[in-house]
Structures are given as C-alpha cells and as structure tokens.
N, C-alpha and C. Protein backbone atom coordinates (compact mmCIF):
# COMPACT_ATOMS: atom_id res chain seq x y z
N MET A 1 164.74 121.19 65.41
CA MET A 1 165.14 119.86 65.02
C MET A 1 163.98 119.19 64.29
N LEU A 2 164.28 118.53 63.20
CA LEU A 2 163.27 117.82 62.45
C LEU A 2 162.97 116.49 63.14
N GLY A 3 161.72 116.11 63.12
CA GLY A 3 161.30 114.88 63.80
C GLY A 3 161.44 113.66 62.92
N LYS A 4 161.36 112.50 63.58
CA LYS A 4 161.49 111.22 62.90
C LYS A 4 160.39 111.03 61.85
N THR A 5 159.18 111.41 62.19
CA THR A 5 158.07 111.25 61.26
C THR A 5 158.32 112.05 59.99
N TYR A 6 158.75 113.29 60.13
CA TYR A 6 159.02 114.14 58.98
C TYR A 6 160.14 113.56 58.11
N LEU A 7 161.25 113.18 58.72
CA LEU A 7 162.38 112.65 57.97
C LEU A 7 162.02 111.35 57.24
N THR A 8 161.26 110.49 57.91
CA THR A 8 160.85 109.23 57.30
C THR A 8 159.93 109.47 56.12
N LYS A 9 159.01 110.41 56.25
CA LYS A 9 158.09 110.74 55.16
C LYS A 9 158.87 111.30 53.97
N GLN A 10 159.83 112.17 54.23
CA GLN A 10 160.63 112.74 53.14
C GLN A 10 161.43 111.66 52.43
N ALA A 11 162.01 110.73 53.19
CA ALA A 11 162.77 109.64 52.59
C ALA A 11 161.86 108.78 51.72
N SER A 12 160.66 108.52 52.19
CA SER A 12 159.69 107.72 51.44
C SER A 12 159.33 108.41 50.12
N LEU A 13 159.12 109.72 50.17
CA LEU A 13 158.80 110.47 48.95
C LEU A 13 159.96 110.45 47.95
N LEU A 14 161.18 110.57 48.46
CA LEU A 14 162.34 110.52 47.57
C LEU A 14 162.44 109.16 46.88
N LEU A 15 162.17 108.09 47.62
CA LEU A 15 162.21 106.75 47.02
C LEU A 15 161.11 106.59 45.97
N GLU A 16 159.96 107.15 46.25
CA GLU A 16 158.85 107.10 45.28
C GLU A 16 159.24 107.83 44.00
N PHE A 17 159.84 109.01 44.14
CA PHE A 17 160.30 109.75 42.95
C PHE A 17 161.38 108.97 42.21
N ALA A 18 162.27 108.34 42.95
CA ALA A 18 163.36 107.58 42.33
C ALA A 18 162.81 106.43 41.48
N ARG A 19 161.73 105.81 41.94
CA ARG A 19 161.14 104.71 41.18
C ARG A 19 160.44 105.18 39.91
N THR A 20 159.98 106.43 39.91
CA THR A 20 159.20 106.91 38.76
C THR A 20 160.03 107.57 37.68
N THR A 21 161.28 107.93 37.97
CA THR A 21 162.09 108.61 36.97
C THR A 21 162.80 107.62 36.06
N SER A 22 163.03 108.03 34.84
CA SER A 22 163.79 107.20 33.89
C SER A 22 165.27 107.59 33.86
N ASP A 23 165.62 108.65 34.56
CA ASP A 23 167.01 109.12 34.63
C ASP A 23 167.73 108.36 35.73
N SER A 24 168.64 107.48 35.35
CA SER A 24 169.31 106.63 36.34
C SER A 24 170.21 107.43 37.29
N ASP A 25 170.83 108.50 36.80
CA ASP A 25 171.67 109.33 37.68
C ASP A 25 170.82 110.02 38.74
N LEU A 26 169.69 110.58 38.33
CA LEU A 26 168.79 111.23 39.27
C LEU A 26 168.25 110.22 40.27
N SER A 27 167.88 109.05 39.78
CA SER A 27 167.36 108.01 40.66
C SER A 27 168.39 107.63 41.73
N ALA A 28 169.64 107.48 41.33
CA ALA A 28 170.70 107.12 42.29
C ALA A 28 170.89 108.22 43.33
N LYS A 29 170.82 109.47 42.91
CA LYS A 29 170.97 110.59 43.85
C LYS A 29 169.80 110.64 44.83
N LEU A 30 168.59 110.39 44.34
CA LEU A 30 167.41 110.40 45.21
C LEU A 30 167.48 109.26 46.23
N VAL A 31 167.91 108.10 45.80
CA VAL A 31 168.04 106.96 46.73
C VAL A 31 169.11 107.26 47.77
N SER A 32 170.21 107.88 47.35
CA SER A 32 171.27 108.24 48.28
C SER A 32 170.78 109.24 49.33
N LYS A 33 170.04 110.24 48.90
CA LYS A 33 169.49 111.24 49.82
C LYS A 33 168.48 110.60 50.76
N ALA A 34 167.67 109.69 50.25
CA ALA A 34 166.70 108.99 51.10
C ALA A 34 167.42 108.17 52.18
N ALA A 35 168.51 107.52 51.81
CA ALA A 35 169.29 106.76 52.79
C ALA A 35 169.88 107.68 53.85
N ASP A 36 170.32 108.86 53.44
CA ASP A 36 170.86 109.85 54.38
C ASP A 36 169.78 110.29 55.38
N LEU A 37 168.59 110.59 54.86
CA LEU A 37 167.50 111.00 55.75
C LEU A 37 167.11 109.88 56.70
N LYS A 38 167.08 108.65 56.19
CA LYS A 38 166.73 107.50 57.02
C LYS A 38 167.74 107.32 58.14
N SER A 39 169.02 107.50 57.84
CA SER A 39 170.06 107.35 58.87
C SER A 39 169.97 108.46 59.92
N ARG A 40 169.49 109.63 59.51
CA ARG A 40 169.29 110.72 60.48
C ARG A 40 168.06 110.47 61.34
N ALA A 41 167.05 109.79 60.78
CA ALA A 41 165.80 109.55 61.51
C ALA A 41 165.92 108.39 62.49
N ASP A 42 166.72 107.39 62.18
CA ASP A 42 166.80 106.17 63.01
C ASP A 42 167.10 106.43 64.48
N PRO A 43 168.05 107.28 64.84
CA PRO A 43 168.34 107.44 66.27
C PRO A 43 167.32 108.30 67.04
N LEU A 44 166.40 108.92 66.33
CA LEU A 44 165.42 109.79 66.99
C LEU A 44 164.32 108.97 67.64
N PRO A 45 163.65 109.52 68.67
CA PRO A 45 162.54 108.81 69.28
C PRO A 45 161.39 108.61 68.29
N ASP A 46 160.59 107.58 68.51
CA ASP A 46 159.49 107.27 67.59
C ASP A 46 158.46 108.37 67.50
N LYS A 47 158.22 109.06 68.57
CA LYS A 47 157.21 110.11 68.58
C LYS A 47 157.90 111.47 68.53
N ASP A 48 157.43 112.34 67.64
CA ASP A 48 158.00 113.69 67.56
C ASP A 48 157.76 114.42 68.88
N GLN A 49 158.74 115.17 69.29
CA GLN A 49 158.71 115.84 70.58
C GLN A 49 158.53 117.34 70.43
N GLY A 50 157.71 117.76 69.49
CA GLY A 50 157.47 119.18 69.27
C GLY A 50 156.67 119.79 70.40
N PRO A 51 156.57 121.11 70.41
CA PRO A 51 155.79 121.77 71.46
C PRO A 51 154.33 121.37 71.36
N LYS A 52 153.68 121.25 72.50
CA LYS A 52 152.28 120.87 72.54
C LYS A 52 151.42 122.11 72.71
N ALA A 53 150.28 122.09 72.07
CA ALA A 53 149.34 123.20 72.21
C ALA A 53 148.72 123.16 73.60
N PRO A 54 148.43 124.31 74.17
CA PRO A 54 147.79 124.31 75.49
C PRO A 54 146.38 123.73 75.39
N ASP A 55 145.92 123.12 76.48
CA ASP A 55 144.56 122.60 76.50
C ASP A 55 143.59 123.77 76.55
N VAL A 56 142.66 123.76 75.63
CA VAL A 56 141.65 124.81 75.58
C VAL A 56 140.30 124.13 75.42
N SER A 57 139.39 124.40 76.34
CA SER A 57 138.06 123.83 76.22
C SER A 57 137.22 124.77 75.35
N PRO A 58 136.16 124.26 74.70
CA PRO A 58 135.37 125.09 73.79
C PRO A 58 134.81 126.36 74.42
N GLY A 59 134.51 126.35 75.70
CA GLY A 59 133.96 127.53 76.36
C GLY A 59 134.98 128.65 76.54
N GLN A 60 136.27 128.36 76.40
CA GLN A 60 137.32 129.35 76.62
C GLN A 60 137.66 130.14 75.37
N ILE A 61 137.21 129.70 74.22
CA ILE A 61 137.57 130.37 72.96
C ILE A 61 136.70 131.60 72.80
N GLU A 62 137.35 132.75 72.57
CA GLU A 62 136.62 134.01 72.39
C GLU A 62 136.79 134.46 70.95
N SER A 63 135.77 135.06 70.41
CA SER A 63 135.83 135.56 69.02
C SER A 63 136.19 137.02 68.99
C-alpha cells in the first residue's frame, strides 16, 4: 500500500508540472490525476506505516 506522504508528494509534483506546461489538455489531465491521488491520500494516517528497520547498534555491524 502506498503511504500518504508518497501520494501527497506525487500529487504536488503533478500540480507543479501542470503549472509549467502550455498544453491546456495536458494540464487538465495532470490536475485531475493530482486530485485523484489527493483523495486517495486523505483517508490514510498522517504517518506512513511501513516496516521498520531493526535496531542495530554500531558495535553489531560486521563487515
């Protein structure tokens, strides 16, 4: 499952691209996709819930 942070960042990038293009059809499609990603991100928790790395202290790392 994609996290809220990832979806929000992707939506932001799409909006940035939409502002920079001179093609109005492309801009409208990018804004629409950004809105879709934003609606998917809204119900997710604020913090991504991905797997956490195990705690490793510097003395435990072997080469």
